[in-house]
Amino acid sequence: MPKKSNKDVNGGRLRKDPPDYFGRLAGSAWRKVVDFLNDNKEIIRVDSGLIEMYCTQYEIYRNAYKHIQENGEVQGIYESVQNAAGEVIEKDFKGYKRNPMTQIYSDSIKNLNNIGKELGLSPKSRKELFDNLNGGDEEGLADIVRLFK
């Protein structure tokens, strides 16, 4: 029996189990997103790379936020004062610097928004998808809305 091409495995649908290399948060996001997207006939197995990016960005977003909660948005800058023997005798406060995790957090939010739009995961992108599929026909729009519920 000939082997199925990758796009035809699982009937062309997305698999429910997340990839083995995913962290806990990315795996949880995968299950939620795939359940939603498998109901949408426009998403197929070939789109799994895009969904992987979305889920890993979600994990980065959550980890960065946790780090910011624990360490704050800014961090103090200190300069060590040493004696002749090279021992630190005090630390002078020089000011604050931005926690680098705030940039990672910001970047992951932007990536989540962009990838989510591609997948139809935002209310606006779903509406645009409905309008494009439907051509403005209200009865057809109601059918598509039922699909998403």
N, C-alpha and C. Protein backbone atom coordinates (compact mmCIF):
# COMPACT_ATOMS: atom_id res chain seq x y z
N MET A 1 0.85 -1.18 0.00
CA MET A 1 0.00 0.00 0.00
C MET A 1 0.89 1.24 0.00
N PRO A 2 0.64 2.17 -0.91
CA PRO A 2 1.49 3.35 -0.97
C PRO A 2 1.30 4.24 0.26
N LYS A 3 2.38 4.88 0.63
CA LYS A 3 2.36 5.79 1.79
C LYS A 3 1.60 7.06 1.44
N LYS A 4 0.80 7.57 2.40
CA LYS A 4 0.05 8.81 2.19
C LYS A 4 1.02 9.99 2.20
N SER A 5 0.72 10.99 1.38
CA SER A 5 1.53 12.20 1.45
C SER A 5 1.21 12.92 2.75
N ASN A 6 2.11 13.75 3.22
CA ASN A 6 1.96 14.43 4.51
C ASN A 6 0.65 15.21 4.61
N LYS A 7 0.24 15.83 3.51
CA LYS A 7 -0.98 16.64 3.55
C LYS A 7 -2.24 15.80 3.72
N ASP A 8 -2.17 14.49 3.39
CA ASP A 8 -3.34 13.62 3.49
C ASP A 8 -3.41 12.82 4.78
N VAL A 9 -2.36 12.86 5.60
CA VAL A 9 -2.37 12.15 6.87
C VAL A 9 -3.47 12.74 7.75
N ASN A 10 -4.17 11.90 8.48
CA ASN A 10 -5.25 12.33 9.38
C ASN A 10 -6.36 13.04 8.60
N GLY A 11 -6.58 12.60 7.36
CA GLY A 11 -7.63 13.20 6.54
C GLY A 11 -7.36 14.66 6.20
N GLY A 12 -6.11 15.07 6.26
CA GLY A 12 -5.77 16.46 5.98
C GLY A 12 -6.05 17.39 7.15
N ARG A 13 -6.55 16.85 8.25
CA ARG A 13 -6.88 17.65 9.43
C ARG A 13 -5.64 17.81 10.30
N LEU A 14 -5.68 18.77 11.20
CA LEU A 14 -4.59 19.00 12.15
C LEU A 14 -4.66 17.95 13.25
N ARG A 15 -3.51 17.47 13.68
CA ARG A 15 -3.51 16.49 14.76
C ARG A 15 -3.80 17.18 16.09
N LYS A 16 -4.48 16.48 16.99
CA LYS A 16 -4.88 17.08 18.26
C LYS A 16 -3.74 17.14 19.26
N ASP A 17 -2.80 16.20 19.18
CA ASP A 17 -1.68 16.18 20.12
C ASP A 17 -0.60 17.16 19.66
N PRO A 18 -0.07 17.96 20.60
CA PRO A 18 0.98 18.92 20.22
C PRO A 18 2.28 18.19 19.91
N PRO A 19 3.18 18.83 19.18
CA PRO A 19 4.50 18.23 18.93
C PRO A 19 5.21 17.91 20.24
N ASP A 20 6.03 16.87 20.23
CA ASP A 20 6.72 16.40 21.44
C ASP A 20 7.66 17.44 22.04
N TYR A 21 8.23 18.29 21.23
CA TYR A 21 9.21 19.25 21.72
C TYR A 21 8.58 20.50 22.33
N PHE A 22 7.26 20.62 22.31
CA PHE A 22 6.59 21.77 22.90
C PHE A 22 6.70 21.76 24.42
N GLY A 23 6.76 22.95 24.99
CA GLY A 23 6.66 23.10 26.43
C GLY A 23 5.20 22.96 26.86
N ARG A 24 4.95 23.00 28.15
CA ARG A 24 3.61 22.81 28.69
C ARG A 24 2.64 23.88 28.19
N LEU A 25 3.05 25.14 28.22
CA LEU A 25 2.16 26.22 27.79
C LEU A 25 1.88 26.17 26.28
N ALA A 26 2.89 25.89 25.49
CA ALA A 26 2.69 25.79 24.04
C ALA A 26 1.78 24.62 23.71
N GLY A 27 1.94 23.51 24.43
CA GLY A 27 1.09 22.34 24.22
C GLY A 27 -0.37 22.63 24.55
N SER A 28 -0.58 23.35 25.62
CA SER A 28 -1.94 23.72 26.01
C SER A 28 -2.57 24.64 24.96
N ALA A 29 -1.79 25.59 24.46
CA ALA A 29 -2.28 26.50 23.43
C ALA A 29 -2.59 25.72 22.15
N TRP A 30 -1.74 24.74 21.81
CA TRP A 30 -1.96 23.92 20.62
C TRP A 30 -3.33 23.23 20.68
N ARG A 31 -3.62 22.59 21.81
CA ARG A 31 -4.89 21.86 21.92
C ARG A 31 -6.09 22.79 21.74
N LYS A 32 -6.03 23.96 22.35
CA LYS A 32 -7.14 24.91 22.24
C LYS A 32 -7.30 25.43 20.81
N VAL A 33 -6.19 25.81 20.20
CA VAL A 33 -6.24 26.40 18.86
C VAL A 33 -6.65 25.35 17.83
N VAL A 34 -6.10 24.15 17.94
CA VAL A 34 -6.42 23.10 16.97
C VAL A 34 -7.88 22.69 17.06
N ASP A 35 -8.42 22.60 18.28
CA ASP A 35 -9.85 22.28 18.41
C ASP A 35 -10.69 23.30 17.67
N PHE A 36 -10.35 24.56 17.82
CA PHE A 36 -11.08 25.62 17.15
C PHE A 36 -10.89 25.56 15.63
N LEU A 37 -9.64 25.40 15.20
CA LEU A 37 -9.34 25.46 13.77
C LEU A 37 -9.79 24.22 13.01
N ASN A 38 -9.83 23.06 13.65
CA ASN A 38 -10.29 21.85 12.96
C ASN A 38 -11.75 21.96 12.56
N ASP A 39 -12.50 22.80 13.25
CA ASP A 39 -13.89 23.03 12.87
C ASP A 39 -14.00 23.95 11.66
N ASN A 40 -12.92 24.64 11.35
CA ASN A 40 -12.89 25.57 10.21
C ASN A 40 -12.30 24.82 9.02
N LYS A 41 -13.07 24.61 7.98
CA LYS A 41 -12.63 23.82 6.83
C LYS A 41 -11.50 24.49 6.03
N GLU A 42 -11.25 25.76 6.27
CA GLU A 42 -10.21 26.47 5.53
C GLU A 42 -8.80 26.15 6.05
N ILE A 43 -8.69 25.64 7.26
CA ILE A 43 -7.38 25.32 7.84
C ILE A 43 -7.11 23.84 7.60
N ILE A 44 -5.92 23.53 7.08
CA ILE A 44 -5.56 22.15 6.79
C ILE A 44 -4.21 21.82 7.42
N ARG A 45 -3.83 20.57 7.31
CA ARG A 45 -2.61 20.07 7.94
C ARG A 45 -1.36 20.86 7.52
N VAL A 46 -1.34 21.35 6.32
CA VAL A 46 -0.19 22.10 5.82
C VAL A 46 0.05 23.37 6.64
N ASP A 47 -0.99 23.87 7.29
CA ASP A 47 -0.88 25.09 8.09
C ASP A 47 -0.28 24.86 9.48
N SER A 48 0.12 23.62 9.77
CA SER A 48 0.59 23.31 11.13
C SER A 48 1.84 24.11 11.52
N GLY A 49 2.69 24.46 10.57
CA GLY A 49 3.88 25.26 10.89
C GLY A 49 3.50 26.63 11.44
N LEU A 50 2.49 27.24 10.84
CA LEU A 50 2.01 28.53 11.30
C LEU A 50 1.40 28.41 12.71
N ILE A 51 0.71 27.32 12.94
CA ILE A 51 0.11 27.11 14.26
C ILE A 51 1.20 26.85 15.29
N GLU A 52 2.25 26.13 14.91
CA GLU A 52 3.39 25.92 15.81
C GLU A 52 4.01 27.25 16.22
N MET A 53 4.19 28.15 15.25
CA MET A 53 4.75 29.47 15.56
C MET A 53 3.85 30.22 16.53
N TYR A 54 2.56 30.15 16.31
CA TYR A 54 1.61 30.84 17.19
C TYR A 54 1.73 30.30 18.62
N CYS A 55 1.75 28.99 18.77
CA CYS A 55 1.78 28.38 20.10
C CYS A 55 3.10 28.63 20.82
N THR A 56 4.21 28.58 20.09
CA THR A 56 5.50 28.85 20.75
C THR A 56 5.61 30.32 21.14
N GLN A 57 5.07 31.21 20.31
CA GLN A 57 5.05 32.63 20.69
C GLN A 57 4.19 32.85 21.93
N TYR A 58 3.11 32.08 22.05
CA TYR A 58 2.26 32.19 23.23
C TYR A 58 3.05 31.80 24.49
N GLU A 59 3.83 30.74 24.39
CA GLU A 59 4.63 30.32 25.54
C GLU A 59 5.69 31.37 25.89
N ILE A 60 6.33 31.95 24.89
CA ILE A 60 7.31 33.01 25.13
C ILE A 60 6.64 34.20 25.80
N TYR A 61 5.48 34.58 25.31
CA TYR A 61 4.70 35.68 25.89
C TYR A 61 4.41 35.43 27.36
N ARG A 62 3.94 34.24 27.69
CA ARG A 62 3.60 33.92 29.08
C ARG A 62 4.84 33.88 29.98
N ASN A 63 5.93 33.29 29.48
CA ASN A 63 7.16 33.22 30.27
C ASN A 63 7.74 34.61 30.51
N ALA A 64 7.71 35.46 29.51
CA ALA A 64 8.22 36.83 29.65
C ALA A 64 7.38 37.59 30.66
N TYR A 65 6.07 37.42 30.60
CA TYR A 65 5.19 38.12 31.54
C TYR A 65 5.46 37.66 32.97
N LYS A 66 5.66 36.36 33.15
CA LYS A 66 5.96 35.83 34.49
C LYS A 66 7.27 36.43 35.02
N HIS A 67 8.28 36.51 34.16
CA HIS A 67 9.57 37.09 34.56
C HIS A 67 9.40 38.56 34.94
N ILE A 68 8.60 39.30 34.17
CA ILE A 68 8.36 40.71 34.47
C ILE A 68 7.63 40.86 35.80
N GLN A 69 6.67 39.98 36.07
CA GLN A 69 5.96 40.03 37.35
C GLN A 69 6.92 39.81 38.52
N GLU A 70 7.85 38.88 38.34
CA GLU A 70 8.78 38.55 39.42
C GLU A 70 9.88 39.59 39.60
N ASN A 71 10.32 40.22 38.51
CA ASN A 71 11.48 41.11 38.56
C ASN A 71 11.19 42.57 38.24
N GLY A 72 9.97 42.87 37.86
CA GLY A 72 9.61 44.25 37.55
C GLY A 72 9.97 44.67 36.14
N GLU A 73 9.41 45.82 35.74
CA GLU A 73 9.66 46.33 34.39
C GLU A 73 11.03 46.99 34.27
N VAL A 74 11.57 47.45 35.37
CA VAL A 74 12.89 48.07 35.37
C VAL A 74 13.76 47.38 36.42
N GLN A 75 15.06 47.50 36.22
CA GLN A 75 16.02 46.91 37.15
C GLN A 75 17.03 47.97 37.55
N GLY A 76 17.46 47.91 38.80
CA GLY A 76 18.44 48.86 39.28
C GLY A 76 19.82 48.57 38.72
N ILE A 77 20.58 49.65 38.50
CA ILE A 77 21.97 49.53 38.03
C ILE A 77 22.86 49.95 39.19
N TYR A 78 23.81 49.09 39.55
CA TYR A 78 24.71 49.36 40.66
C TYR A 78 26.15 49.24 40.18
N GLU A 79 27.01 50.07 40.75
CA GLU A 79 28.44 50.00 40.45
C GLU A 79 29.15 49.65 41.75
N SER A 80 29.99 48.63 41.67
CA SER A 80 30.70 48.18 42.87
C SER A 80 31.89 49.08 43.17
N VAL A 81 32.06 49.38 44.46
CA VAL A 81 33.22 50.13 44.93
C VAL A 81 34.11 49.14 45.65
N GLN A 82 35.41 49.08 45.24
CA GLN A 82 36.33 48.10 45.81
C GLN A 82 37.44 48.80 46.60
N ASN A 83 37.97 48.08 47.57
CA ASN A 83 39.13 48.59 48.30
C ASN A 83 40.39 48.16 47.57
N ALA A 84 41.54 48.47 48.14
CA ALA A 84 42.83 48.17 47.50
C ALA A 84 43.04 46.66 47.31
N ALA A 85 42.41 45.85 48.16
CA ALA A 85 42.57 44.40 48.06
C ALA A 85 41.61 43.80 47.03
N GLY A 86 40.76 44.62 46.44
CA GLY A 86 39.83 44.14 45.42
C GLY A 86 38.51 43.63 45.98
N GLU A 87 38.29 43.85 47.27
CA GLU A 87 37.03 43.42 47.88
C GLU A 87 35.97 44.50 47.68
N VAL A 88 34.75 44.06 47.41
CA VAL A 88 33.64 44.99 47.23
C VAL A 88 33.26 45.52 48.62
N ILE A 89 33.33 46.83 48.79
CA ILE A 89 32.99 47.41 50.09
C ILE A 89 31.61 48.08 50.08
N GLU A 90 31.16 48.46 48.93
CA GLU A 90 29.79 48.99 48.80
C GLU A 90 29.39 49.02 47.33
N LYS A 91 28.11 49.24 47.12
CA LYS A 91 27.59 49.33 45.76
C LYS A 91 26.86 50.65 45.63
N ASP A 92 27.24 51.43 44.62
CA ASP A 92 26.60 52.72 44.37
C ASP A 92 25.47 52.54 43.36
N PHE A 93 24.32 53.10 43.71
CA PHE A 93 23.16 53.06 42.82
C PHE A 93 23.35 54.08 41.71
N LYS A 94 23.20 53.64 40.44
CA LYS A 94 23.41 54.52 39.29
C LYS A 94 22.12 54.86 38.54
N GLY A 95 21.05 54.17 38.84
CA GLY A 95 19.78 54.43 38.15
C GLY A 95 19.09 53.14 37.78
N TYR A 96 18.21 53.25 36.81
CA TYR A 96 17.42 52.10 36.37
C TYR A 96 17.64 51.82 34.90
N LYS A 97 17.43 50.57 34.53
CA LYS A 97 17.41 50.19 33.12
C LYS A 97 16.18 49.31 32.89
N ARG A 98 15.72 49.30 31.67
CA ARG A 98 14.55 48.51 31.29
C ARG A 98 14.89 47.03 31.37
N ASN A 99 13.98 46.25 31.94
CA ASN A 99 14.12 44.80 31.98
C ASN A 99 14.08 44.29 30.54
N PRO A 100 15.09 43.55 30.09
CA PRO A 100 15.10 43.05 28.70
C PRO A 100 13.88 42.19 28.35
N MET A 101 13.26 41.58 29.34
CA MET A 101 12.08 40.75 29.08
C MET A 101 10.91 41.58 28.58
N THR A 102 10.90 42.89 28.86
CA THR A 102 9.79 43.71 28.36
C THR A 102 9.82 43.79 26.83
N GLN A 103 11.00 43.77 26.24
CA GLN A 103 11.10 43.77 24.77
C GLN A 103 10.66 42.43 24.21
N ILE A 104 11.05 41.35 24.85
CA ILE A 104 10.63 40.02 24.41
C ILE A 104 9.12 39.90 24.52
N TYR A 105 8.56 40.40 25.60
CA TYR A 105 7.11 40.40 25.81
C TYR A 105 6.40 41.18 24.70
N SER A 106 6.89 42.36 24.42
CA SER A 106 6.30 43.22 23.39
C SER A 106 6.38 42.56 22.01
N ASP A 107 7.53 42.00 21.68
CA ASP A 107 7.70 41.33 20.39
C ASP A 107 6.78 40.13 20.25
N SER A 108 6.62 39.36 21.32
CA SER A 108 5.76 38.17 21.25
C SER A 108 4.30 38.56 21.07
N ILE A 109 3.87 39.66 21.68
CA ILE A 109 2.50 40.14 21.49
C ILE A 109 2.28 40.52 20.02
N LYS A 110 3.23 41.22 19.44
CA LYS A 110 3.11 41.60 18.02
C LYS A 110 3.05 40.36 17.13
N ASN A 111 3.90 39.38 17.43
CA ASN A 111 3.91 38.14 16.64
C ASN A 111 2.60 37.37 16.80
N LEU A 112 2.10 37.30 18.02
CA LEU A 112 0.82 36.62 18.26
C LEU A 112 -0.30 37.29 17.47
N ASN A 113 -0.34 38.61 17.48
CA ASN A 113 -1.37 39.34 16.73
C ASN A 113 -1.27 39.07 15.24
N ASN A 114 -0.06 39.13 14.70
CA ASN A 114 0.12 38.92 13.25
C ASN A 114 -0.22 37.49 12.84
N ILE A 115 0.27 36.51 13.57
CA ILE A 115 0.00 35.12 13.22
C ILE A 115 -1.48 34.81 13.46
N GLY A 116 -2.03 35.33 14.55
CA GLY A 116 -3.45 35.12 14.85
C GLY A 116 -4.35 35.65 13.74
N LYS A 117 -3.99 36.77 13.15
CA LYS A 117 -4.76 37.32 12.03
C LYS A 117 -4.71 36.37 10.83
N GLU A 118 -3.54 35.81 10.58
CA GLU A 118 -3.40 34.86 9.47
C GLU A 118 -4.27 33.63 9.67
N LEU A 119 -4.42 33.21 10.92
CA LEU A 119 -5.19 32.01 11.24
C LEU A 119 -6.67 32.31 11.47
N GLY A 120 -7.05 33.58 11.48
CA GLY A 120 -8.45 33.94 11.73
C GLY A 120 -8.83 33.83 13.19
N LEU A 121 -7.88 34.13 14.09
CA LEU A 121 -8.12 33.97 15.52
C LEU A 121 -8.57 35.25 16.22
N SER A 122 -8.64 36.34 15.50
CA SER A 122 -9.13 37.58 16.12
C SER A 122 -10.54 37.86 15.61
N PRO A 123 -11.35 38.55 16.40
CA PRO A 123 -12.72 38.85 15.94
C PRO A 123 -12.74 39.60 14.60
N LYS A 124 -11.82 40.55 14.43
CA LYS A 124 -11.79 41.32 13.19
C LYS A 124 -11.42 40.44 12.00
N SER A 125 -10.41 39.57 12.16
CA SER A 125 -10.00 38.72 11.04
C SER A 125 -11.08 37.69 10.70
N ARG A 126 -11.81 37.20 11.71
CA ARG A 126 -12.92 36.28 11.43
C ARG A 126 -14.02 36.99 10.64
N LYS A 127 -14.31 38.23 11.02
CA LYS A 127 -15.34 39.00 10.30
C LYS A 127 -14.91 39.23 8.86
N GLU A 128 -13.64 39.58 8.66
CA GLU A 128 -13.14 39.79 7.30
C GLU A 128 -13.19 38.49 6.51
N LEU A 129 -12.86 37.38 7.16
CA LEU A 129 -12.93 36.07 6.52
C LEU A 129 -14.36 35.77 6.09
N PHE A 130 -15.31 36.03 6.99
CA PHE A 130 -16.71 35.80 6.67
C PHE A 130 -17.15 36.67 5.51
N ASP A 131 -16.75 37.93 5.53
CA ASP A 131 -17.14 38.86 4.46
C ASP A 131 -16.57 38.40 3.12
N ASN A 132 -15.32 37.94 3.12
CA ASN A 132 -14.70 37.50 1.87
C ASN A 132 -15.32 36.21 1.35
N LEU A 133 -15.60 35.27 2.25
CA LEU A 133 -16.20 34.01 1.84
C LEU A 133 -17.63 34.20 1.37
N ASN A 134 -18.26 35.17 1.95
CA ASN A 134 -19.68 35.33 1.81
C ASN A 134 -20.08 36.35 0.75
N GLY A 135 -19.22 37.30 0.48
CA GLY A 135 -19.55 38.35 -0.46
C GLY A 135 -20.64 39.27 0.06
N GLY A 136 -20.83 39.30 1.39
CA GLY A 136 -21.81 40.19 1.99
C GLY A 136 -23.19 39.59 2.12
N ASP A 137 -23.42 38.34 1.69
CA ASP A 137 -24.71 37.66 1.79
C ASP A 137 -24.99 37.31 3.24
N GLU A 138 -26.02 37.89 3.83
CA GLU A 138 -26.29 37.71 5.26
C GLU A 138 -26.68 36.27 5.61
N GLU A 139 -27.39 35.60 4.73
CA GLU A 139 -27.77 34.21 5.01
C GLU A 139 -26.54 33.31 5.02
N GLY A 140 -25.63 33.52 4.08
CA GLY A 140 -24.38 32.76 4.04
C GLY A 140 -23.51 33.06 5.24
N LEU A 141 -23.53 34.30 5.70
CA LEU A 141 -22.77 34.68 6.87
C LEU A 141 -23.28 33.93 8.10
N ALA A 142 -24.58 33.80 8.23
CA ALA A 142 -25.16 33.06 9.36
C ALA A 142 -24.70 31.60 9.34
N ASP A 143 -24.59 31.00 8.16
CA ASP A 143 -24.10 29.62 8.05
C ASP A 143 -22.65 29.52 8.53
N ILE A 144 -21.84 30.49 8.16
CA ILE A 144 -20.44 30.47 8.57
C ILE A 144 -20.31 30.71 10.07
N VAL A 145 -21.11 31.59 10.63
CA VAL A 145 -21.09 31.84 12.07
C VAL A 145 -21.45 30.57 12.82
N ARG A 146 -22.42 29.82 12.32
CA ARG A 146 -22.79 28.54 12.96
C ARG A 146 -21.63 27.56 12.92
N LEU A 147 -20.84 27.62 11.85
CA LEU A 147 -19.66 26.75 11.74
C LEU A 147 -18.69 27.02 12.89
N PHE A 148 -18.47 28.28 13.24
CA PHE A 148 -17.52 28.63 14.28
C PHE A 148 -18.04 28.33 15.67
N LYS A 149 -19.35 28.18 15.82
CA LYS A 149 -19.90 27.86 17.13
C LYS A 149 -19.90 26.38 17.29
